[in-house]
PDB file of all heavy atoms in Angstrom:
ATOM      1  N   ASP A   1      38.481  11.008  -6.151  1.00  0.00           N
ATOM      2  CA  ASP A   1      37.355  11.775  -5.618  1.00  0.00           C
ATOM      3  C   ASP A   1      36.193  10.851  -5.216  1.00  0.00           C
ATOM      4  O   ASP A   1      35.578  11.082  -4.181  1.00  0.00           O
ATOM      5  CB  ASP A   1      36.853  12.783  -6.661  1.00  0.00           C
ATOM      6  CG  ASP A   1      37.790  13.914  -6.917  1.00  0.00           C
ATOM      7  OD1 ASP A   1      38.788  14.067  -6.200  1.00  0.00           O
ATOM      8  OD2 ASP A   1      37.567  14.669  -7.896  1.00  0.00           O
ATOM      9  N   PHE A   2      35.966   9.789  -5.966  1.00  0.00           N
ATOM     10  CA  PHE A   2      34.930   8.863  -5.706  1.00  0.00           C
ATOM     11  C   PHE A   2      35.051   8.280  -4.325  1.00  0.00           C
ATOM     12  O   PHE A   2      34.021   8.106  -3.572  1.00  0.00           O
ATOM     13  CB  PHE A   2      34.911   7.797  -6.774  1.00  0.00           C
ATOM     14  CG  PHE A   2      33.821   6.744  -6.595  1.00  0.00           C
ATOM     15  CD1 PHE A   2      32.486   7.003  -6.986  1.00  0.00           C
ATOM     16  CD2 PHE A   2      34.118   5.557  -5.881  1.00  0.00           C
ATOM     17  CE1 PHE A   2      31.506   6.001  -6.726  1.00  0.00           C
ATOM     18  CE2 PHE A   2      33.094   4.546  -5.699  1.00  0.00           C
ATOM     19  CZ  PHE A   2      31.822   4.848  -6.111  1.00  0.00           C
ATOM     20  N   TRP A   3      36.235   7.975  -3.883  1.00  0.00           N
ATOM     21  CA  TRP A   3      36.438   7.300  -2.578  1.00  0.00           C
ATOM     22  C   TRP A   3      36.688   8.219  -1.460  1.00  0.00           C
ATOM     23  O   TRP A   3      36.605   7.808  -0.303  1.00  0.00           O
ATOM     24  CB  TRP A   3      37.629   6.276  -2.710  1.00  0.00           C
ATOM     25  CG  TRP A   3      37.361   5.205  -3.752  1.00  0.00           C
ATOM     26  CD1 TRP A   3      37.925   5.057  -4.941  1.00  0.00           C
ATOM     27  CD2 TRP A   3      36.472   4.086  -3.567  1.00  0.00           C
ATOM     28  NE1 TRP A   3      37.441   3.952  -5.587  1.00  0.00           N
ATOM     29  CE2 TRP A   3      36.610   3.285  -4.784  1.00  0.00           C
ATOM     30  CE3 TRP A   3      35.631   3.589  -2.645  1.00  0.00           C
ATOM     31  CZ2 TRP A   3      35.877   2.092  -4.997  1.00  0.00           C
ATOM     32  CZ3 TRP A   3      34.927   2.403  -2.740  1.00  0.00           C
ATOM     33  CH2 TRP A   3      35.008   1.691  -3.960  1.00  0.00           C
ATOM     34  N   THR A   4      36.912   9.486  -1.732  1.00  0.00           N
ATOM     35  CA  THR A   4      37.376  10.360  -0.691  1.00  0.00           C
ATOM     36  C   THR A   4      36.571  11.630  -0.448  1.00  0.00           C
ATOM     37  O   THR A   4      36.726  12.321   0.545  1.00  0.00           O
ATOM     38  CB  THR A   4      38.886  10.816  -0.971  1.00  0.00           C
ATOM     39  OG1 THR A   4      38.913  11.559  -2.161  1.00  0.00           O
ATOM     40  CG2 THR A   4      39.802   9.624  -1.019  1.00  0.00           C
ATOM     41  N   LYS A   5      35.658  11.972  -1.363  1.00  0.00           N
ATOM     42  CA  LYS A   5      34.919  13.237  -1.286  1.00  0.00           C
ATOM     43  C   LYS A   5      33.389  13.012  -1.068  1.00  0.00           C
ATOM     44  O   LYS A   5      32.824  12.106  -1.694  1.00  0.00           O
ATOM     45  CB  LYS A   5      35.157  14.061  -2.536  1.00  0.00           C
ATOM     46  CG  LYS A   5      36.583  14.582  -2.642  1.00  0.00           C
ATOM     47  CD  LYS A   5      36.711  15.569  -3.753  1.00  0.00           C
ATOM     48  CE  LYS A   5      38.207  16.145  -3.839  1.00  0.00           C
ATOM     49  NZ  LYS A   5      38.337  17.123  -4.964  1.00  0.00           N
ATOM     50  N   PRO A   6      32.779  13.817  -0.241  1.00  0.00           N
ATOM     51  CA  PRO A   6      31.361  13.755  -0.064  1.00  0.00           C
ATOM     52  C   PRO A   6      30.577  13.950  -1.375  1.00  0.00           C
ATOM     53  O   PRO A   6      31.012  14.744  -2.285  1.00  0.00           O
ATOM     54  CB  PRO A   6      31.039  14.933   0.902  1.00  0.00           C
ATOM     55  CG  PRO A   6      32.345  15.129   1.626  1.00  0.00           C
ATOM     56  CD  PRO A   6      33.396  14.862   0.629  1.00  0.00           C
ATOM     57  N   GLY A   7      29.459  13.294  -1.476  1.00  0.00           N
ATOM     58  CA  GLY A   7      28.670  13.374  -2.695  1.00  0.00           C
ATOM     59  C   GLY A   7      28.951  12.248  -3.654  1.00  0.00           C
ATOM     60  O   GLY A   7      28.172  12.114  -4.671  1.00  0.00           O
ATOM     61  N   TYR A   8      29.961  11.465  -3.461  1.00  0.00           N
ATOM     62  CA  TYR A   8      30.300  10.337  -4.301  1.00  0.00           C
ATOM     63  C   TYR A   8      29.972   9.052  -3.503  1.00  0.00           C
ATOM     64  O   TYR A   8      30.265   8.966  -2.309  1.00  0.00           O
ATOM     65  CB  TYR A   8      31.752  10.315  -4.727  1.00  0.00           C
ATOM     66  CG  TYR A   8      32.109  11.473  -5.619  1.00  0.00           C
ATOM     67  CD1 TYR A   8      32.561  12.770  -5.065  1.00  0.00           C
ATOM     68  CD2 TYR A   8      32.107  11.340  -6.983  1.00  0.00           C
ATOM     69  CE1 TYR A   8      32.849  13.791  -5.926  1.00  0.00           C
ATOM     70  CE2 TYR A   8      32.422  12.404  -7.857  1.00  0.00           C
ATOM     71  CZ  TYR A   8      32.783  13.658  -7.309  1.00  0.00           C
ATOM     72  OH  TYR A   8      33.120  14.670  -8.098  1.00  0.00           O
ATOM     73  N   LEU A   9      29.437   8.073  -4.187  1.00  0.00           N
ATOM     74  CA  LEU A   9      28.917   6.892  -3.493  1.00  0.00           C
ATOM     75  C   LEU A   9      30.004   6.147  -2.749  1.00  0.00           C
ATOM     76  O   LEU A   9      29.767   5.603  -1.667  1.00  0.00           O
ATOM     77  CB  LEU A   9      28.243   5.955  -4.458  1.00  0.00           C
ATOM     78  CG  LEU A   9      27.308   4.827  -3.904  1.00  0.00           C
ATOM     79  CD1 LEU A   9      26.148   5.435  -3.121  1.00  0.00           C
ATOM     80  CD2 LEU A   9      26.863   3.932  -5.008  1.00  0.00           C
ATOM     81  N   GLY A  10      31.252   6.103  -3.297  1.00  0.00           N
ATOM     82  CA  GLY A  10      32.320   5.381  -2.591  1.00  0.00           C
ATOM     83  C   GLY A  10      32.613   5.993  -1.292  1.00  0.00           C
ATOM     84  O   GLY A  10      33.086   5.272  -0.341  1.00  0.00           O
ATOM     85  N   HIS A  11      32.549   7.310  -1.173  1.00  0.00           N
ATOM     86  CA  HIS A  11      32.800   7.962   0.114  1.00  0.00           C
ATOM     87  C   HIS A  11      31.597   7.860   1.022  1.00  0.00           C
ATOM     88  O   HIS A  11      31.764   7.605   2.236  1.00  0.00           O
ATOM     89  CB  HIS A  11      33.140   9.475  -0.103  1.00  0.00           C
ATOM     90  CG  HIS A  11      33.214  10.298   1.157  1.00  0.00           C
ATOM     91  ND1 HIS A  11      32.145  10.864   1.789  1.00  0.00           N
ATOM     92  CD2 HIS A  11      34.236  10.600   1.962  1.00  0.00           C
ATOM     93  CE1 HIS A  11      32.431  11.498   2.813  1.00  0.00           C
ATOM     94  NE2 HIS A  11      33.791  11.352   2.986  1.00  0.00           N
ATOM     95  N   ASP A  12      30.359   8.116   0.515  1.00  0.00           N
ATOM     96  CA  ASP A  12      29.156   8.214   1.360  1.00  0.00           C
ATOM     97  C   ASP A  12      28.744   6.801   1.812  1.00  0.00           C
ATOM     98  O   ASP A  12      28.168   6.733   2.892  1.00  0.00           O
ATOM     99  CB  ASP A  12      28.089   8.898   0.602  1.00  0.00           C
ATOM    100  CG  ASP A  12      28.369  10.286   0.216  1.00  0.00           C
ATOM    101  OD1 ASP A  12      29.347  10.875   0.800  1.00  0.00           O
ATOM    102  OD2 ASP A  12      27.672  10.924  -0.558  1.00  0.00           O
ATOM    103  N   HIS A  13      28.936   5.803   0.977  1.00  0.00           N
ATOM    104  CA  HIS A  13      28.479   4.477   1.317  1.00  0.00           C
ATOM    105  C   HIS A  13      29.480   3.384   0.917  1.00  0.00           C
ATOM    106  O   HIS A  13      29.211   2.536   0.065  1.00  0.00           O
ATOM    107  CB  HIS A  13      27.114   4.181   0.655  1.00  0.00           C
ATOM    108  CG  HIS A  13      25.957   4.965   1.189  1.00  0.00           C
ATOM    109  ND1 HIS A  13      25.365   4.613   2.430  1.00  0.00           N
ATOM    110  CD2 HIS A  13      25.372   6.075   0.750  1.00  0.00           C
ATOM    111  CE1 HIS A  13      24.444   5.570   2.647  1.00  0.00           C
ATOM    112  NE2 HIS A  13      24.378   6.412   1.634  1.00  0.00           N
ATOM    113  N   PRO A  14      30.668   3.387   1.566  1.00  0.00           N
ATOM    114  CA  PRO A  14      31.685   2.426   1.151  1.00  0.00           C
ATOM    115  C   PRO A  14      31.224   0.949   1.395  1.00  0.00           C
ATOM    116  O   PRO A  14      31.704   0.079   0.822  1.00  0.00           O
ATOM    117  CB  PRO A  14      32.864   2.783   2.045  1.00  0.00           C
ATOM    118  CG  PRO A  14      32.282   3.543   3.158  1.00  0.00           C
ATOM    119  CD  PRO A  14      31.114   4.301   2.626  1.00  0.00           C
ATOM    120  N   GLU A  15      30.222   0.825   2.320  1.00  0.00           N
ATOM    121  CA  GLU A  15      29.731  -0.586   2.631  1.00  0.00           C
ATOM    122  C   GLU A  15      29.122  -1.168   1.443  1.00  0.00           C
ATOM    123  O   GLU A  15      28.970  -2.399   1.370  1.00  0.00           O
ATOM    124  CB  GLU A  15      28.663  -0.434   3.778  1.00  0.00           C
ATOM    125  CG  GLU A  15      27.396   0.208   3.497  1.00  0.00           C
ATOM    126  CD  GLU A  15      27.359   1.704   3.674  1.00  0.00           C
ATOM    127  OE1 GLU A  15      28.524   2.266   3.725  1.00  0.00           O
ATOM    128  OE2 GLU A  15      26.287   2.306   3.653  1.00  0.00           O
ATOM    129  N   TYR A  16      28.619  -0.402   0.454  1.00  0.00           N
ATOM    130  CA  TYR A  16      27.983  -0.983  -0.741  1.00  0.00           C
ATOM    131  C   TYR A  16      29.058  -1.775  -1.595  1.00  0.00           C
ATOM    132  O   TYR A  16      28.645  -2.551  -2.468  1.00  0.00           O
ATOM    133  CB  TYR A  16      27.418   0.097  -1.601  1.00  0.00           C
ATOM    134  CG  TYR A  16      26.125   0.704  -0.999  1.00  0.00           C
ATOM    135  CD1 TYR A  16      25.687   1.983  -1.456  1.00  0.00           C
ATOM    136  CD2 TYR A  16      25.419   0.140   0.020  1.00  0.00           C
ATOM    137  CE1 TYR A  16      24.532   2.582  -0.968  1.00  0.00           C
ATOM    138  CE2 TYR A  16      24.257   0.749   0.556  1.00  0.00           C
ATOM    139  CZ  TYR A  16      23.809   1.971   0.059  1.00  0.00           C
ATOM    140  OH  TYR A  16      22.731   2.547   0.590  1.00  0.00           O
ATOM    141  N   PHE A  17      30.307  -1.529  -1.310  1.00  0.00           N
ATOM    142  CA  PHE A  17      31.365  -2.147  -2.188  1.00  0.00           C
ATOM    143  C   PHE A  17      32.250  -3.101  -1.435  1.00  0.00           C
ATOM    144  O   PHE A  17      33.130  -3.718  -2.043  1.00  0.00           O
ATOM    145  CB  PHE A  17      32.269  -0.995  -2.745  1.00  0.00           C
ATOM    146  CG  PHE A  17      31.492   0.065  -3.534  1.00  0.00           C
ATOM    147  CD1 PHE A  17      30.999   1.231  -2.908  1.00  0.00           C
ATOM    148  CD2 PHE A  17      31.175  -0.146  -4.902  1.00  0.00           C
ATOM    149  CE1 PHE A  17      30.310   2.099  -3.627  1.00  0.00           C
ATOM    150  CE2 PHE A  17      30.482   0.808  -5.583  1.00  0.00           C
ATOM    151  CZ  PHE A  17      30.049   1.990  -4.961  1.00  0.00           C
ATOM    152  N   THR A  18      32.096  -3.249  -0.107  1.00  0.00           N
ATOM    153  CA  THR A  18      32.989  -3.959   0.736  1.00  0.00           C
ATOM    154  C   THR A  18      33.271  -5.433   0.197  1.00  0.00           C
ATOM    155  O   THR A  18      34.404  -5.775   0.032  1.00  0.00           O
ATOM    156  CB  THR A  18      32.528  -4.032   2.156  1.00  0.00           C
ATOM    157  OG1 THR A  18      32.353  -2.726   2.578  1.00  0.00           O
ATOM    158  CG2 THR A  18      33.445  -4.758   3.013  1.00  0.00           C
ATOM    159  N   LYS A  19      32.177  -6.138  -0.111  1.00  0.00           N
ATOM    160  CA  LYS A  19      32.412  -7.538  -0.477  1.00  0.00           C
ATOM    161  C   LYS A  19      32.958  -7.728  -1.856  1.00  0.00           C
ATOM    162  O   LYS A  19      33.368  -8.822  -2.208  1.00  0.00           O
ATOM    163  CB  LYS A  19      31.147  -8.370  -0.277  1.00  0.00           C
ATOM    164  CG  LYS A  19      30.015  -8.057  -1.249  1.00  0.00           C
ATOM    165  CD  LYS A  19      28.870  -9.047  -1.054  1.00  0.00           C
ATOM    166  CE  LYS A  19      27.829  -8.823  -2.102  1.00  0.00           C
ATOM    167  NZ  LYS A  19      26.692  -9.789  -1.938  1.00  0.00           N
ATOM    168  N   ASP A  20      32.842  -6.648  -2.692  1.00  0.00           N
ATOM    169  CA  ASP A  20      33.262  -6.824  -4.087  1.00  0.00           C
ATOM    170  C   ASP A  20      34.576  -6.098  -4.451  1.00  0.00           C
ATOM    171  O   ASP A  20      35.131  -6.343  -5.543  1.00  0.00           O
ATOM    172  CB  ASP A  20      32.164  -6.293  -5.034  1.00  0.00           C
ATOM    173  CG  ASP A  20      30.893  -7.193  -4.955  1.00  0.00           C
ATOM    174  OD1 ASP A  20      31.107  -8.393  -4.753  1.00  0.00           O
ATOM    175  OD2 ASP A  20      29.797  -6.662  -5.096  1.00  0.00           O
ATOM    176  N   ARG A  21      35.043  -5.225  -3.587  1.00  0.00           N
ATOM    177  CA  ARG A  21      36.269  -4.519  -3.837  1.00  0.00           C
ATOM    178  C   ARG A  21      37.432  -5.351  -3.550  1.00  0.00           C
ATOM    179  O   ARG A  21      37.565  -6.055  -2.540  1.00  0.00           O
ATOM    180  CB  ARG A  21      36.289  -3.164  -3.050  1.00  0.00           C
ATOM    181  CG  ARG A  21      37.442  -2.302  -3.493  1.00  0.00           C
ATOM    182  CD  ARG A  21      37.443  -1.015  -2.633  1.00  0.00           C
ATOM    183  NE  ARG A  21      38.439  -0.028  -3.149  1.00  0.00           N
ATOM    184  CZ  ARG A  21      38.766   1.087  -2.447  1.00  0.00           C
ATOM    185  NH1 ARG A  21      38.104   1.411  -1.342  1.00  0.00           N
ATOM    186  NH2 ARG A  21      39.670   1.918  -2.908  1.00  0.00           N
ATOM    187  N   ILE A  22      38.407  -5.384  -4.478  1.00  0.00           N
ATOM    188  CA  ILE A  22      39.641  -6.107  -4.256  1.00  0.00           C
ATOM    189  C   ILE A  22      40.860  -5.268  -4.507  1.00  0.00           C
ATOM    190  O   ILE A  22      40.947  -4.500  -5.507  1.00  0.00           O
ATOM    191  CB  ILE A  22      39.642  -7.362  -5.178  1.00  0.00           C
ATOM    192  CG1 ILE A  22      40.872  -8.241  -4.959  1.00  0.00           C
ATOM    193  CG2 ILE A  22      39.527  -7.023  -6.649  1.00  0.00           C
ATOM    194  CD1 ILE A  22      40.887  -9.518  -5.705  1.00  0.00           C
ATOM    195  N   GLN A  23      41.825  -5.330  -3.655  1.00  0.00           N
ATOM    196  CA  GLN A  23      43.098  -4.739  -3.800  1.00  0.00           C
ATOM    197  C   GLN A  23      44.160  -5.717  -3.278  1.00  0.00           C
ATOM    198  O   GLN A  23      44.630  -5.661  -2.135  1.00  0.00           O
ATOM    199  CB  GLN A  23      43.187  -3.401  -3.014  1.00  0.00           C
ATOM    200  CG  GLN A  23      42.243  -2.324  -3.529  1.00  0.00           C
ATOM    201  CD  GLN A  23      42.173  -1.092  -2.685  1.00  0.00           C
ATOM    202  OE1 GLN A  23      41.813  -1.156  -1.500  1.00  0.00           O
ATOM    203  NE2 GLN A  23      42.532   0.064  -3.239  1.00  0.00           N
ATOM    204  N   PHE A  24      44.489  -6.687  -4.096  1.00  0.00           N
ATOM    205  CA  PHE A  24      45.185  -7.879  -3.732  1.00  0.00           C
ATOM    206  C   PHE A  24      46.676  -7.790  -4.280  1.00  0.00           C
ATOM    207  O   PHE A  24      46.818  -7.713  -5.490  1.00  0.00           O
ATOM    208  CB  PHE A  24      44.511  -9.144  -4.265  1.00  0.00           C
ATOM    209  CG  PHE A  24      45.175 -10.392  -3.883  1.00  0.00           C
ATOM    210  CD1 PHE A  24      45.081 -10.897  -2.625  1.00  0.00           C
ATOM    211  CD2 PHE A  24      45.966 -11.079  -4.831  1.00  0.00           C
ATOM    212  CE1 PHE A  24      45.654 -12.111  -2.292  1.00  0.00           C
ATOM    213  CE2 PHE A  24      46.623 -12.281  -4.471  1.00  0.00           C
ATOM    214  CZ  PHE A  24      46.491 -12.791  -3.194  1.00  0.00           C
ATOM    215  N   LYS A  25      47.621  -7.860  -3.359  1.00  0.00           N
ATOM    216  CA  LYS A  25      48.975  -7.813  -3.742  1.00  0.00           C
ATOM    217  C   LYS A  25      49.593  -9.246  -3.983  1.00  0.00           C
ATOM    218  O   LYS A  25      49.329 -10.095  -3.120  1.00  0.00           O
ATOM    219  CB  LYS A  25      49.862  -7.098  -2.703  1.00  0.00           C
ATOM    220  CG  LYS A  25      49.450  -5.640  -2.460  1.00  0.00           C
ATOM    221  CD  LYS A  25      50.346  -5.007  -1.434  1.00  0.00           C
ATOM    222  CE  LYS A  25      49.924  -3.485  -1.213  1.00  0.00           C
ATOM    223  NZ  LYS A  25      50.144  -2.671  -2.424  1.00  0.00           N
ATOM    224  N   THR A  26      50.327  -9.402  -5.022  1.00  0.00           N
ATOM    225  CA  THR A  26      50.943 -10.685  -5.372  1.00  0.00           C
ATOM    226  C   THR A  26      52.107 -10.476  -6.299  1.00  0.00           C
ATOM    227  O   THR A  26      52.496  -9.244  -6.495  1.00  0.00           O
ATOM    228  CB  THR A  26      49.882 -11.637  -5.974  1.00  0.00           C
ATOM    229  OG1 THR A  26      50.541 -12.923  -6.194  1.00  0.00           O
ATOM    230  CG2 THR A  26      49.350 -11.080  -7.253  1.00  0.00           C
ATOM    231  N   THR A  27      52.608 -11.477  -6.881  1.00  0.00           N
ATOM    232  CA  THR A  27      53.675 -11.376  -7.827  1.00  0.00           C
ATOM    233  C   THR A  27      53.342 -12.124  -9.088  1.00  0.00           C
ATOM    234  O   THR A  27      52.603 -13.084  -9.098  1.00  0.00           O
ATOM    235  CB  THR A  27      55.029 -11.864  -7.274  1.00  0.00           C
ATOM    236  OG1 THR A  27      54.858 -13.218  -6.836  1.00  0.00           O
ATOM    237  CG2 THR A  27      55.519 -10.945  -6.120  1.00  0.00           C
ATOM    238  N   VAL A  28      53.938 -11.787 -10.185  1.00  0.00           N
ATOM    239  CA  VAL A  28      53.711 -12.410 -11.472  1.00  0.00           C
ATOM    240  C   VAL A  28      54.466 -13.750 -11.615  1.00  0.00           C
ATOM    241  O   VAL A  28      55.668 -13.887 -11.235  1.00  0.00           O
ATOM    242  CB  VAL A  28      54.143 -11.449 -12.640  1.00  0.00           C
ATOM    243  CG1 VAL A  28      54.002 -12.184 -14.023  1.00  0.00           C
ATOM    244  CG2 VAL A  28      53.318 -10.229 -12.641  1.00  0.00           C
ATOM    245  N   GLY A  29      53.699 -14.721 -12.082  1.00  0.00           N
ATOM    246  CA  GLY A  29      54.280 -16.019 -12.299  1.00  0.00           C
ATOM    247  C   GLY A  29      54.803 -16.137 -13.781  1.00  0.00           C
ATOM    248  O   GLY A  29      56.009 -16.085 -14.043  1.00  0.00           O
ATOM    249  N   ALA A  30      53.846 -16.333 -14.669  1.00  0.00           N
ATOM    250  CA  ALA A  30      54.250 -16.507 -16.096  1.00  0.00           C
ATOM    251  C   ALA A  30      53.222 -15.864 -17.002  1.00  0.00           C
ATOM    252  O   ALA A  30      52.077 -15.747 -16.634  1.00  0.00           O
ATOM    253  CB  ALA A  30      54.441 -17.983 -16.433  1.00  0.00           C
ATOM    254  N   PRO A  31      53.569 -15.472 -18.222  1.00  0.00           N
ATOM    255  CA  PRO A  31      52.555 -14.964 -19.190  1.00  0.00           C
ATOM    256  C   PRO A  31      51.631 -16.079 -19.735  1.00  0.00           C
ATOM    257  O   PRO A  31      51.946 -17.225 -19.683  1.00  0.00           O
ATOM    258  CB  PRO A  31      53.417 -14.348 -20.303  1.00  0.00           C
ATOM    259  CG  PRO A  31      54.688 -15.168 -20.278  1.00  0.00           C
ATOM    260  CD  PRO A  31      54.925 -15.505 -18.801  1.00  0.00           C
TER     261      PRO A  31
END
């Protein structure tokens, strides 16, 4: 809801999070 619905900051102002949001795909090396 935060990212997709009006009234939540993530939907209304996604630019506030652009430089700090991370969704990075990779693979596990070792524990």
